[in-house]
C-alpha atoms as a PDB file:
ATOM      1  CA  MET A   1      -0.350  -0.232   0.402  1.00  0.00           C
ATOM      2  CA  ILE A   2       2.903   2.459  -0.925  1.00  0.00           C
ATOM      3  CA  SER A   3       0.206   4.673  -3.942  1.00  0.00           C
ATOM      4  CA  CYS A   4      -2.891   6.354  -4.020  1.00  0.00           C
ATOM      5  CA  LEU A   5      -5.092   3.660  -4.890  1.00  0.00           C
ATOM      6  CA  PRO A   6      -4.737   1.654  -1.958  1.00  0.00           C
ATOM      7  CA  SER A   7      -3.653  -2.047  -2.844  1.00  0.00           C
ATOM      8  CA  SER A   8      -0.224  -3.910  -4.491  1.00  0.00           C
ATOM      9  CA  MET A   9      -2.536  -5.805  -6.923  1.00  0.00           C
ATOM     10  CA  ILE A  10      -2.017  -5.430 -10.530  1.00  0.00           C
ATOM     11  CA  TYR A  11      -5.439  -5.720 -12.979  1.00  0.00           C
ATOM     12  CA  PRO A  12      -5.063  -6.847 -16.231  1.00  0.00           C
ATOM     13  CA  THR A  13      -6.308  -4.555 -18.681  1.00  0.00           C
ATOM     14  CA  VAL A  14      -9.872  -5.032 -20.335  1.00  0.00           C
ATOM     15  CA  THR A  15     -11.646  -3.181 -22.722  1.00  0.00           C
ATOM     16  CA  PRO A  16     -13.274  -0.088 -21.861  1.00  0.00           C
ATOM     17  CA  VAL A  17     -16.801  -0.096 -20.901  1.00  0.00           C
ATOM     18  CA  PRO A  18     -19.680   2.798 -22.200  1.00  0.00           C
ATOM     19  CA  PRO A  19     -20.510   4.840 -19.341  1.00  0.00           C
ATOM     20  CA  ILE A  20     -23.011   3.946 -17.115  1.00  0.00           C
ATOM     21  CA  THR A  21     -25.469   5.866 -15.058  1.00  0.00           C
ATOM     22  CA  HIS A  22     -27.873   3.941 -12.872  1.00  0.00           C
ATOM     23  CA  ILE A  23     -31.900   4.539 -11.921  1.00  0.00           C
ATOM     24  CA  VAL A  24     -32.528   3.378  -8.794  1.00  0.00           C
ATOM     25  CA  ASP A  25     -36.261   1.740  -8.644  1.00  0.00           C
ATOM     26  CA  ASN A  26     -38.485  -0.897  -5.892  1.00  0.00           C
ATOM     27  CA  LEU A  27     -37.592   1.247  -3.323  1.00  0.00           C
ATOM     28  CA  ILE A  28     -39.180  -0.051   0.396  1.00  0.00           C
ATOM     29  CA  GLY A  29     -38.343   1.871   3.733  1.00  0.00           C
ATOM     30  CA  ILE A  30     -36.531   4.277   2.334  1.00  0.00           C
ATOM     31  CA  GLU A  31     -36.833   7.596  -0.026  1.00  0.00           C
ATOM     32  CA  PRO A  32     -34.441   9.105  -2.335  1.00  0.00           C
ATOM     33  CA  ILE A  33     -32.756  12.539  -1.531  1.00  0.00           C
ATOM     34  CA  TRP A  34     -30.408  13.393  -3.276  1.00  0.00           C
ATOM     35  CA  ILE A  35     -27.829  12.149  -6.230  1.00  0.00           C
ATOM     36  CA  LEU A  36     -24.764  13.431  -7.232  1.00  0.00           C
ATOM     37  CA  ASP A  37     -22.800  12.653 -10.637  1.00  0.00           C
ATOM     38  CA  ASP A  38     -19.414  12.726 -11.424  1.00  0.00           C
ATOM     39  CA  VAL A  39     -17.643  11.611  -7.978  1.00  0.00           C
ATOM     40  CA  TYR A  40     -14.499   9.855  -7.735  1.00  0.00           C
ATOM     41  CA  ILE A  41     -13.865   7.786  -4.313  1.00  0.00           C
ATOM     42  CA  ILE A  42     -10.849   6.102  -3.714  1.00  0.00           C
ATOM     43  CA  TRP A  43     -11.485   2.176  -3.975  1.00  0.00           C
ATOM     44  CA  ASN A  44      -9.502   0.244  -1.211  1.00  0.00           C
ATOM     45  CA  ALA A  45      -9.677  -3.338  -0.634  1.00  0.00           C
ATOM     46  CA  HIS A  46      -8.929  -2.689   3.239  1.00  0.00           C
ATOM     47  CA  ASP A  47     -11.083  -0.189   4.307  1.00  0.00           C
ATOM     48  CA  ASN A  48     -13.484   2.594   4.001  1.00  0.00           C
ATOM     49  CA  THR A  49     -12.643   5.899   2.023  1.00  0.00           C
ATOM     50  CA  LEU A  50     -16.506   7.084   3.108  1.00  0.00           C
ATOM     51  CA  ASP A  51     -18.160   8.034   6.423  1.00  0.00           C
ATOM     52  CA  SER A  52     -21.004   9.619   7.413  1.00  0.00           C
ATOM     53  CA  LEU A  53     -22.448  11.164  10.841  1.00  0.00           C
ATOM     54  CA  MET A  54     -23.565  13.969  12.858  1.00  0.00           C
ATOM     55  CA  GLY A  55     -24.806  15.225   9.525  1.00  0.00           C
ATOM     56  CA  LYS A  56     -21.829  15.200   7.335  1.00  0.00           C
ATOM     57  CA  THR A  57     -20.824  12.625   4.610  1.00  0.00           C
ATOM     58  CA  CYS A  58     -17.099  12.641   3.823  1.00  0.00           C
ATOM     59  CA  PHE A  59     -14.924  11.079   1.453  1.00  0.00           C
ATOM     60  CA  LEU A  60     -11.569  10.837  -0.074  1.00  0.00           C
ATOM     61  CA  GLY A  61     -10.864  11.311  -3.978  1.00  0.00           C
ATOM     62  CA  ASP A  62     -12.806  14.130  -6.259  1.00  0.00           C
ATOM     63  CA  LEU A  63     -15.320  15.753  -7.359  1.00  0.00           C
ATOM     64  CA  GLY A  64     -15.999  16.664 -11.491  1.00  0.00           C
ATOM     65  CA  LYS A  65     -12.587  15.424 -12.810  1.00  0.00           C
ATOM     66  CA  LYS A  66     -10.287  12.459 -11.966  1.00  0.00           C
ATOM     67  CA  GLU A  67      -6.752  13.972 -10.552  1.00  0.00           C
ATOM     68  CA  LEU A  68      -4.555  12.323  -8.255  1.00  0.00           C
ATOM     69  CA  TYR A  69      -7.405  11.452  -5.586  1.00  0.00           C
ATOM     70  CA  LYS A  70      -5.839  13.521  -2.646  1.00  0.00           C
ATOM     71  CA  ASN A  71      -8.917  15.234  -2.123  1.00  0.00           C
ATOM     72  CA  PHE A  72     -10.690  15.225   1.775  1.00  0.00           C
ATOM     73  CA  ILE A  73     -14.339  16.113   0.733  1.00  0.00           C
ATOM     74  CA  CYS A  74     -17.375  17.086   3.252  1.00  0.00           C
ATOM     75  CA  LEU A  75     -20.872  17.162   1.515  1.00  0.00           C
ATOM     76  CA  GLU A  76     -23.758  17.831   4.259  1.00  0.00           C
ATOM     77  CA  SER A  77     -25.605  14.669   4.553  1.00  0.00           C
ATOM     78  CA  GLU A  78     -29.314  16.076   4.256  1.00  0.00           C
ATOM     79  CA  SER A  79     -28.501  17.936   1.026  1.00  0.00           C
ATOM     80  CA  GLY A  80     -25.490  16.888  -0.804  1.00  0.00           C
ATOM     81  CA  LYS A  81     -23.840  20.624  -0.148  1.00  0.00           C
ATOM     82  CA  VAL A  82     -20.151  20.514  -0.407  1.00  0.00           C
ATOM     83  CA  LEU A  83     -18.918  22.295   2.740  1.00  0.00           C
ATOM     84  CA  TRP A  84     -15.101  21.804   1.847  1.00  0.00           C
ATOM     85  CA  SER A  85     -12.359  20.063  -0.335  1.00  0.00           C
ATOM     86  CA  LYS A  86      -8.678  20.141   0.546  1.00  0.00           C
ATOM     87  CA  GLN A  87      -6.185  18.347  -0.793  1.00  0.00           C
ATOM     88  CA  THR A  88      -4.571  16.655   2.177  1.00  0.00           C
ATOM     89  CA  GLY A  89      -2.041  14.104   0.852  1.00  0.00           C
ATOM     90  CA  ALA A  90      -1.818   9.781  -0.068  1.00  0.00           C
ATOM     91  CA  GLN A  91      -4.862   9.002   1.871  1.00  0.00           C
ATOM     92  CA  SER A  92      -5.788   5.917   2.689  1.00  0.00           C
ATOM     93  CA  THR A  93      -8.747   5.370   4.917  1.00  0.00           C
ATOM     94  CA  ILE A  94     -11.257   7.834   7.318  1.00  0.00           C
ATOM     95  CA  ALA A  95     -13.320   8.019  10.102  1.00  0.00           C
ATOM     96  CA  ILE A  96     -15.728  10.524  11.481  1.00  0.00           C
ATOM     97  CA  THR A  97     -16.021  10.791  15.482  1.00  0.00           C
ATOM     98  CA  PRO A  98     -17.788  12.890  17.437  1.00  0.00           C
ATOM     99  CA  GLU A  99     -14.471  14.194  18.126  1.00  0.00           C
ATOM    100  CA  GLY A 100     -13.146  15.294  14.709  1.00  0.00           C
ATOM    101  CA  ILE A 101     -12.405  13.661  11.323  1.00  0.00           C
ATOM    102  CA  PHE A 102      -9.642  11.083  11.557  1.00  0.00           C
ATOM    103  CA  ILE A 103      -7.554  10.393   8.153  1.00  0.00           C
ATOM    104  CA  ALA A 104      -5.060   7.532   7.618  1.00  0.00           C
ATOM    105  CA  TYR A 105      -2.380   7.966   5.454  1.00  0.00           C
ATOM    106  CA  ASN A 106       0.252   6.182   2.911  1.00  0.00           C
ATOM    107  CA  SER A 107       4.111   6.606   2.250  1.00  0.00           C
ATOM    108  CA  PRO A 108       4.945   7.054   5.155  1.00  0.00           C
ATOM    109  CA  GLY A 109       1.912   6.120   7.545  1.00  0.00           C
ATOM    110  CA  GLU A 110       0.545   8.940   9.315  1.00  0.00           C
ATOM    111  CA  LEU A 111      -3.062   9.519  11.173  1.00  0.00           C
ATOM    112  CA  LYS A 112      -4.277  13.331  10.630  1.00  0.00           C
ATOM    113  CA  LYS A 113      -7.304  14.728  12.814  1.00  0.00           C
ATOM    114  CA  PHE A 114      -9.576  17.378  11.286  1.00  0.00           C
ATOM    115  CA  ASP A 115     -12.175  20.003  12.737  1.00  0.00           C
ATOM    116  CA  LEU A 116     -15.311  18.500  12.283  1.00  0.00           C
ATOM    117  CA  LYS A 117     -16.705  21.620  11.346  1.00  0.00           C
ATOM    118  CA  THR A 118     -14.272  23.299   9.654  1.00  0.00           C
ATOM    119  CA  GLY A 119     -12.493  20.674   8.219  1.00  0.00           C
ATOM    120  CA  ASP A 120      -8.928  22.462   9.196  1.00  0.00           C
ATOM    121  CA  LEU A 121      -6.234  20.139  10.450  1.00  0.00           C
ATOM    122  CA  VAL A 122      -6.171  19.816  13.723  1.00  0.00           C
ATOM    123  CA  GLN A 123      -3.290  17.443  14.829  1.00  0.00           C
ATOM    124  CA  ARG A 124      -1.070  14.243  13.103  1.00  0.00           C
ATOM    125  CA  ARG A 125       1.181  11.655  14.324  1.00  0.00           C
ATOM    126  CA  LYS A 126       3.472   9.869  12.510  1.00  0.00           C
ATOM    127  CA  LEU A 127       2.635   6.537  12.227  1.00  0.00           C
ATOM    128  CA  ASP A 128       5.688   3.361  11.420  1.00  0.00           C
ATOM    129  CA  GLY A 129       5.717   1.535   8.154  1.00  0.00           C
ATOM    130  CA  PRO A 130       5.425   2.639   4.473  1.00  0.00           C
ATOM    131  CA  GLY A 131       1.295   2.884   4.907  1.00  0.00           C
ATOM    132  CA  SER A 132      -1.759   2.622   7.417  1.00  0.00           C
ATOM    133  CA  ILE A 133      -4.228  -0.398   6.507  1.00  0.00           C
ATOM    134  CA  HIS A 134      -7.412   0.054   8.728  1.00  0.00           C
ATOM    135  CA  LEU A 135      -8.755   2.540  10.806  1.00  0.00           C
ATOM    136  CA  THR A 136     -11.077   1.890  13.474  1.00  0.00           C
ATOM    137  CA  TYR A 137     -12.906   4.022  15.946  1.00  0.00           C
ATOM    138  CA  LEU A 138     -14.445   2.163  19.150  1.00  0.00           C
ATOM    139  CA  ASN A 139     -14.676   3.127  22.593  1.00  0.00           C
ATOM    140  CA  ASN A 140     -13.090   6.782  22.604  1.00  0.00           C
ATOM    141  CA  GLN A 141     -10.220   5.485  21.098  1.00  0.00           C
ATOM    142  CA  VAL A 142      -8.838   5.356  17.552  1.00  0.00           C
ATOM    143  CA  GLN A 143      -6.705   2.421  16.283  1.00  0.00           C
ATOM    144  CA  VAL A 144      -4.738   1.805  13.244  1.00  0.00           C
ATOM    145  CA  THR A 145      -3.194  -0.756  11.344  1.00  0.00           C
ATOM    146  CA  THR A 146      -0.137  -0.543   9.400  1.00  0.00           C
ATOM    147  CA  SER A 147       1.797  -2.716   6.988  1.00  0.00           C
ATOM    148  CA  SER A 148       4.355  -3.251   9.731  1.00  0.00           C
ATOM    149  CA  SER A 149       1.386  -5.559  11.352  1.00  0.00           C
ATOM    150  CA  THR A 150       1.339  -2.959  14.185  1.00  0.00           C
ATOM    151  CA  LEU A 151      -1.713  -1.527  15.608  1.00  0.00           C
ATOM    152  CA  TRP A 152      -1.322   1.631  17.404  1.00  0.00           C
ATOM    153  CA  VAL A 153      -4.004   2.298  19.756  1.00  0.00           C
ATOM    154  CA  LEU A 154      -4.507   6.410  20.435  1.00  0.00           C
ATOM    155  CA  ASP A 155      -6.605   8.456  22.122  1.00  0.00           C
ATOM    156  CA  THR A 156      -8.553  10.924  20.303  1.00  0.00           C
ATOM    157  CA  ASN A 157      -6.069  14.035  20.549  1.00  0.00           C
ATOM    158  CA  THR A 158      -3.390  11.221  18.831  1.00  0.00           C
ATOM    159  CA  LYS A 159      -1.870  10.660  21.677  1.00  0.00           C
ATOM    160  CA  LEU A 160       0.168   6.791  22.143  1.00  0.00           C
ATOM    161  CA  ILE A 161      -2.083   4.711  24.767  1.00  0.00           C
ATOM    162  CA  ASP A 162      -0.311   1.581  23.370  1.00  0.00           C
ATOM    163  CA  LYS A 163       1.341  -0.665  20.400  1.00  0.00           C
ATOM    164  CA  VAL A 164       0.474  -3.971  19.381  1.00  0.00           C
ATOM    165  CA  LYS A 165       1.212  -6.783  17.846  1.00  0.00           C
ATOM    166  CA  GLU A 166       1.154 -10.400  17.082  1.00  0.00           C
ATOM    167  CA  GLY A 167       3.686 -11.860  15.021  1.00  0.00           C
ATOM    168  CA  GLN A 168       2.867 -11.144  11.286  1.00  0.00           C
ATOM    169  CA  LYS A 169      -0.485 -11.196  11.711  1.00  0.00           C
ATOM    170  CA  THR A 170      -2.970  -8.410  10.652  1.00  0.00           C
ATOM    171  CA  VAL A 171      -4.711  -6.527  14.221  1.00  0.00           C
ATOM    172  CA  PHE A 172      -7.785  -5.470  13.597  1.00  0.00           C
ATOM    173  CA  LEU A 173      -8.792  -4.122  16.769  1.00  0.00           C
ATOM    174  CA  SER A 174      -7.726  -4.807  20.307  1.00  0.00           C
ATOM    175  CA  THR A 175      -9.899  -3.911  23.805  1.00  0.00           C
ATOM    176  CA  PRO A 176      -8.825  -4.582  27.465  1.00  0.00           C
ATOM    177  CA  ASP A 177     -10.070  -8.240  27.251  1.00  0.00           C
ATOM    178  CA  ALA A 178      -9.899  -9.388  23.612  1.00  0.00           C
ATOM    179  CA  THR A 179      -7.954  -8.738  20.449  1.00  0.00           C
ATOM    180  CA  TYR A 180      -8.889  -9.256  16.973  1.00  0.00           C
ATOM    181  CA  VAL A 181      -6.374 -10.889  14.284  1.00  0.00           C
ATOM    182  CA  ASN A 182      -6.477 -12.239  10.733  1.00  0.00           C
ATOM    183  CA  LEU A 183      -5.720 -15.597  10.645  1.00  0.00           C
ATOM    184  CA  LYS A 184      -7.009 -17.181   7.437  1.00  0.00           C
ATOM    185  CA  GLY A 185     -10.377 -15.589   8.996  1.00  0.00           C
ATOM    186  CA  LEU A 186     -10.709 -14.113  12.465  1.00  0.00           C
ATOM    187  CA  GLN A 187      -9.202 -15.122  15.863  1.00  0.00           C
ATOM    188  CA  VAL A 188      -9.237 -13.686  19.294  1.00  0.00           C
ATOM    189  CA  LEU A 189      -7.383 -13.486  21.754  1.00  0.00           C
ATOM    190  CA  LYS A 190      -7.032 -13.060  25.234  1.00  0.00           C
ATOM    191  CA  THR A 191      -4.959  -9.185  25.103  1.00  0.00           C
ATOM    192  CA  GLY A 192      -1.929  -9.347  26.382  1.00  0.00           C
ATOM    193  CA  THR A 193      -1.653 -13.321  26.012  1.00  0.00           C
ATOM    194  CA  ASN A 194      -1.489 -15.762  23.196  1.00  0.00           C
ATOM    195  CA  GLU A 195      -4.613 -17.474  24.854  1.00  0.00           C
ATOM    196  CA  VAL A 196      -7.064 -18.020  21.700  1.00  0.00           C
ATOM    197  CA  LEU A 197     -10.734 -17.594  22.970  1.00  0.00           C
ATOM    198  CA  TRP A 198     -12.207 -18.507  19.649  1.00  0.00           C
ATOM    199  CA  GLU A 199     -11.338 -18.479  16.058  1.00  0.00           C
ATOM    200  CA  HIS A 200     -13.665 -18.520  12.750  1.00  0.00           C
ATOM    201  CA  ILE A 201     -10.794 -19.298  10.421  1.00  0.00           C
ATOM    202  CA  ASP A 202     -12.861 -20.349   7.252  1.00  0.00           C
ATOM    203  CA  MET A 203     -13.295 -17.486   5.732  1.00  0.00           C
ATOM    204  CA  GLN A 204     -10.295 -16.851   3.128  1.00  0.00           C
ATOM    205  CA  HIS A 205      -8.922 -13.234   1.864  1.00  0.00           C
ATOM    206  CA  LEU A 206     -10.406 -11.994   5.151  1.00  0.00           C
ATOM    207  CA  THR A 207      -9.369  -8.156   3.777  1.00  0.00           C
ATOM    208  CA  GLN A 208     -11.750  -5.523   4.871  1.00  0.00           C
ATOM    209  CA  VAL A 209     -12.264  -4.104   8.852  1.00  0.00           C
ATOM    210  CA  PRO A 210     -15.126  -5.574  10.572  1.00  0.00           C
ATOM    211  CA  VAL A 211     -17.830  -3.598  12.097  1.00  0.00           C
ATOM    212  CA  PHE A 212     -18.162  -4.447  15.654  1.00  0.00           C
ATOM    213  CA  THR A 213     -20.999  -4.264  17.680  1.00  0.00           C
ATOM    214  CA  LYS A 214     -21.567  -4.554  21.232  1.00  0.00           C
ATOM    215  CA  ASP A 215     -22.279  -8.316  20.938  1.00  0.00           C
ATOM    216  CA  LYS A 216     -21.988  -9.479  17.332  1.00  0.00           C
ATOM    217  CA  ILE A 217     -19.040  -8.720  14.476  1.00  0.00           C
ATOM    218  CA  PHE A 218     -20.211  -8.347  10.468  1.00  0.00           C
ATOM    219  CA  LEU A 219     -17.143  -8.994   8.637  1.00  0.00           C
ATOM    220  CA  ARG A 220     -16.894  -9.462   4.565  1.00  0.00           C
ATOM    221  CA  ASN A 221     -14.374 -11.914   3.084  1.00  0.00           C
ATOM    222  CA  GLY A 222     -13.148 -11.632  -0.954  1.00  0.00           C
ATOM    223  CA  ALA A 223      -9.529 -10.354  -2.013  1.00  0.00           C
ATOM    224  CA  ASP A 224     -11.098  -7.812  -4.109  1.00  0.00           C
ATOM    225  CA  PHE A 225     -14.566  -7.532  -5.789  1.00  0.00           C
ATOM    226  CA  SER A 226     -17.662  -9.318  -3.998  1.00  0.00           C
ATOM    227  CA  GLY A 227     -17.167 -12.154  -1.218  1.00  0.00           C
ATOM    228  CA  THR A 228     -19.532 -13.340   1.364  1.00  0.00           C
ATOM    229  CA  ALA A 229     -20.574 -11.324   4.529  1.00  0.00           C
ATOM    230  CA  TYR A 230     -20.153 -13.251   7.655  1.00  0.00           C
ATOM    231  CA  ALA A 231     -22.076 -12.151  10.956  1.00  0.00           C
ATOM    232  CA  LEU A 232     -20.636 -14.085  14.242  1.00  0.00           C
ATOM    233  CA  ASP A 233     -21.180 -13.730  18.108  1.00  0.00           C
ATOM    234  CA  ARG A 234     -18.315 -11.697  19.574  1.00  0.00           C
ATOM    235  CA  ILE A 235     -18.327 -13.563  22.733  1.00  0.00           C
ATOM    236  CA  ASN A 236     -17.909 -17.494  21.659  1.00  0.00           C
ATOM    237  CA  GLY A 237     -17.766 -16.856  17.363  1.00  0.00           C
ATOM    238  CA  LYS A 238     -20.824 -18.631  17.002  1.00  0.00           C
ATOM    239  CA  LEU A 239     -21.916 -17.856  13.095  1.00  0.00           C
ATOM    240  CA  LEU A 240     -25.147 -16.777  13.060  1.00  0.00           C
ATOM    241  CA  TRP A 241     -25.630 -16.160   9.097  1.00  0.00           C
ATOM    242  CA  GLU A 242     -23.684 -15.766   5.648  1.00  0.00           C
ATOM    243  CA  ILE A 243     -24.655 -14.305   2.749  1.00  0.00           C
ATOM    244  CA  PRO A 244     -22.483 -14.241  -0.750  1.00  0.00           C
ATOM    245  CA  ASN A 245     -21.731 -12.071  -3.405  1.00  0.00           C
ATOM    246  CA  ILE A 246     -21.495  -8.968  -1.421  1.00  0.00           C
ATOM    247  CA  VAL A 247     -20.285  -6.218  -2.674  1.00  0.00           C
ATOM    248  CA  GLY A 248     -18.277  -3.350  -1.108  1.00  0.00           C
ATOM    249  CA  ASN A 249     -18.132  -2.626   2.797  1.00  0.00           C
ATOM    250  CA  LEU A 250     -21.092  -3.529   5.784  1.00  0.00           C
ATOM    251  CA  ILE A 251     -23.134  -0.651   7.376  1.00  0.00           C
ATOM    252  CA  TYR A 252     -24.799  -0.935  10.568  1.00  0.00           C
ATOM    253  CA  SER A 253     -28.102   0.961  11.566  1.00  0.00           C
ATOM    254  CA  PRO A 254     -28.476   0.613  15.727  1.00  0.00           C
ATOM    255  CA  ASP A 255     -31.538   2.389  14.993  1.00  0.00           C
ATOM    256  CA  GLN A 256     -33.041  -0.276  12.573  1.00  0.00           C
ATOM    257  CA  HIS A 257     -30.739  -3.237  13.869  1.00  0.00           C
ATOM    258  CA  LEU A 258     -29.815  -3.596  10.297  1.00  0.00           C
ATOM    259  CA  ILE A 259     -27.183  -4.226   8.371  1.00  0.00           C
ATOM    260  CA  TYR A 260     -27.135  -2.523   4.753  1.00  0.00           C
ATOM    261  CA  ALA A 261     -25.229  -4.264   1.609  1.00  0.00           C
ATOM    262  CA  LEU A 262     -25.048  -4.156  -1.915  1.00  0.00           C
ATOM    263  CA  HIS A 263     -25.227  -7.239  -3.817  1.00  0.00           C
ATOM    264  CA  LYS A 264     -23.336  -8.299  -6.775  1.00  0.00           C
ATOM    265  CA  ASP A 265     -26.597  -8.404  -8.786  1.00  0.00           C
ATOM    266  CA  GLY A 266     -27.511  -4.180  -8.046  1.00  0.00           C
ATOM    267  CA  ASN A 267     -29.841  -4.921  -5.213  1.00  0.00           C
ATOM    268  CA  LEU A 268     -29.554  -3.009  -1.995  1.00  0.00           C
ATOM    269  CA  LEU A 269     -30.154  -5.284   0.440  1.00  0.00           C
ATOM    270  CA  ALA A 270     -31.184  -4.652   4.106  1.00  0.00           C
ATOM    271  CA  VAL A 271     -30.072  -7.899   6.530  1.00  0.00           C
ATOM    272  CA  ASP A 272     -31.663  -8.041  10.137  1.00  0.00           C
ATOM    273  CA  GLU A 273     -28.182  -8.874  12.329  1.00  0.00           C
ATOM    274  CA  THR A 274     -29.956 -11.431  14.315  1.00  0.00           C
ATOM    275  CA  ASN A 275     -30.984 -13.801  11.588  1.00  0.00           C
ATOM    276  CA  GLY A 276     -29.758 -12.678   8.486  1.00  0.00           C
ATOM    277  CA  LYS A 277     -32.790 -12.044   6.637  1.00  0.00           C
ATOM    278  CA  GLU A 278     -32.578  -9.908   3.780  1.00  0.00           C
ATOM    279  CA  THR A 279     -34.957  -7.277   2.037  1.00  0.00           C
ATOM    280  CA  VAL A 280     -34.290  -6.050  -0.971  1.00  0.00           C
ATOM    281  CA  ILE A 281     -35.028  -1.899  -0.372  1.00  0.00           C
ATOM    282  CA  ALA A 282     -33.577  -0.678  -3.609  1.00  0.00           C
ATOM    283  CA  THR A 283     -32.679  -2.107  -7.192  1.00  0.00           C
ATOM    284  CA  PHE A 284     -29.969  -0.297  -9.277  1.00  0.00           C
ATOM    285  CA  SER A 285     -30.410  -0.479 -13.316  1.00  0.00           C
ATOM    286  CA  SER A 286     -27.701  -1.588 -15.036  1.00  0.00           C
ATOM    287  CA  SER A 287     -26.320  -5.187 -13.380  1.00  0.00           C
ATOM    288  CA  PRO A 288     -24.694  -6.585 -12.470  1.00  0.00           C
ATOM    289  CA  PHE A 289     -22.342  -4.110 -10.853  1.00  0.00           C
ATOM    290  CA  ILE A 290     -18.629  -4.196 -12.510  1.00  0.00           C
ATOM    291  CA  PHE A 291     -15.559  -3.648 -10.994  1.00  0.00           C
ATOM    292  CA  LEU A 292     -12.861  -2.942 -13.609  1.00  0.00           C
ATOM    293  CA  ASN A 293     -13.977  -0.202 -16.275  1.00  0.00           C
ATOM    294  CA  GLY A 294     -10.564  -0.850 -18.344  1.00  0.00           C
ATOM    295  CA  THR A 295      -8.230   1.608 -16.843  1.00  0.00           C
ATOM    296  CA  ASP A 296      -9.019   1.188 -13.040  1.00  0.00           C
ATOM    297  CA  PRO A 297     -11.026  -0.507  -9.885  1.00  0.00           C
ATOM    298  CA  SER A 298     -14.127   0.593  -8.863  1.00  0.00           C
ATOM    299  CA  ALA A 299     -15.118   1.490  -5.947  1.00  0.00           C
ATOM    300  CA  TYR A 300     -18.844   0.355  -3.946  1.00  0.00           C
ATOM    301  CA  GLN A 301     -19.343   1.552  -0.882  1.00  0.00           C
ATOM    302  CA  LEU A 302     -21.845   2.281   1.545  1.00  0.00           C
ATOM    303  CA  ALA A 303     -22.103   4.859   4.628  1.00  0.00           C
ATOM    304  CA  TYR A 304     -24.564   5.734   7.011  1.00  0.00           C
ATOM    305  CA  ASP A 305     -25.546   8.840   9.246  1.00  0.00           C
ATOM    306  CA  ALA A 306     -27.152   7.361  11.743  1.00  0.00           C
ATOM    307  CA  ASP A 307     -27.841  11.518  13.426  1.00  0.00           C
ATOM    308  CA  VAL A 308     -30.012  12.100  10.569  1.00  0.00           C
ATOM    309  CA  ARG A 309     -31.026   8.531   9.488  1.00  0.00           C
ATOM    310  CA  ILE A 310     -29.444   8.648   6.283  1.00  0.00           C
ATOM    311  CA  LEU A 311     -28.029   5.715   3.907  1.00  0.00           C
ATOM    312  CA  VAL A 312     -25.612   6.678   1.228  1.00  0.00           C
ATOM    313  CA  VAL A 313     -24.413   4.276  -1.334  1.00  0.00           C
ATOM    314  CA  TYR A 314     -20.991   4.687  -3.699  1.00  0.00           C
ATOM    315  CA  LEU A 315     -21.512   3.050  -7.146  1.00  0.00           C
ATOM    316  CA  GLY A 316     -18.169   2.979  -8.658  1.00  0.00           C
ATOM    317  CA  ASP A 317     -19.230   1.972 -12.185  1.00  0.00           C
ATOM    318  CA  SER A 318     -21.103   4.657 -12.248  1.00  0.00           C
ATOM    319  CA  ARG A 319     -19.554   7.445 -10.399  1.00  0.00           C
ATOM    320  CA  GLN A 320     -22.988   8.198  -8.409  1.00  0.00           C
ATOM    321  CA  LEU A 321     -23.642   8.929  -5.139  1.00  0.00           C
ATOM    322  CA  PHE A 322     -26.313   8.594  -3.718  1.00  0.00           C
ATOM    323  CA  ALA A 323     -28.529   9.642  -0.375  1.00  0.00           C
ATOM    324  CA  PHE A 324     -31.639   8.108   0.869  1.00  0.00           C
ATOM    325  CA  GLN A 325     -33.623   9.055   4.034  1.00  0.00           C
ATOM    326  CA  GLU A 326     -34.702   5.902   6.385  1.00  0.00           C
ATOM    327  CA  LYS A 327     -38.869   6.566   6.662  1.00  0.00           C
END
């Protein structure tokens, strides 16, 4: 992860596809509020480059033209109005928190904190290694995994709390009780020891950072474009449900107790967090979604602003950003 596209994978050249424009139909439980065209958001196989919280939707990329993907852009979640666009460097992943907006960087690894109201740079911290892989906000901490397989645990002022390293394993997250690592799936260790609390290791190519709730873990495997979404019991690792052919990241709605996900066939799904029951809540035309347009990989991402109950959907094949209001 040393370039502006956060992946070292090399894709074969394919024939460019004609321009795609999606039309959304068959809406259930949501209503469209705005659409933006010509949006270029970084594709990152490992983590999110789009996030939404507290009335703001922010992403790493460009508006209107494809440049070097070095811009950090924030919109008003309810209107789609551009609040600011700032060029900040070789970005990797973003997380909006009540304490500020955090962005992790490549070449070299670094974490920056930006003001939630103005987008101005507040603090920064250098991290070891050439790049950052995962960025998670939990329990008033910011945790960043770097390419040296080190997890940096920081407070919201970027002050170092701890550094966690489990050999060459990628560490997703660490709490006082458990440390979650990538080992041909998910392995959970008792923090500070090598004791394995549980493991679910039949998930190959687990790259994306999982979504953690109080009692569940939601994650998706797949080396790049699509894979299987899983729900695990956070206490014992029991498999609760799984859904194949999921594109992009998973998003959790705490009020609705739903996981939102994009299916490869062009459907937007709402999934019951407990039993995995799927409901198609929107259908996008020009399906199935495509990953390579002939020049570069297309990002597909979701974000959810729990404060205003707005779901944001980015479709990389058409460069469109959709916003929906939960009813």
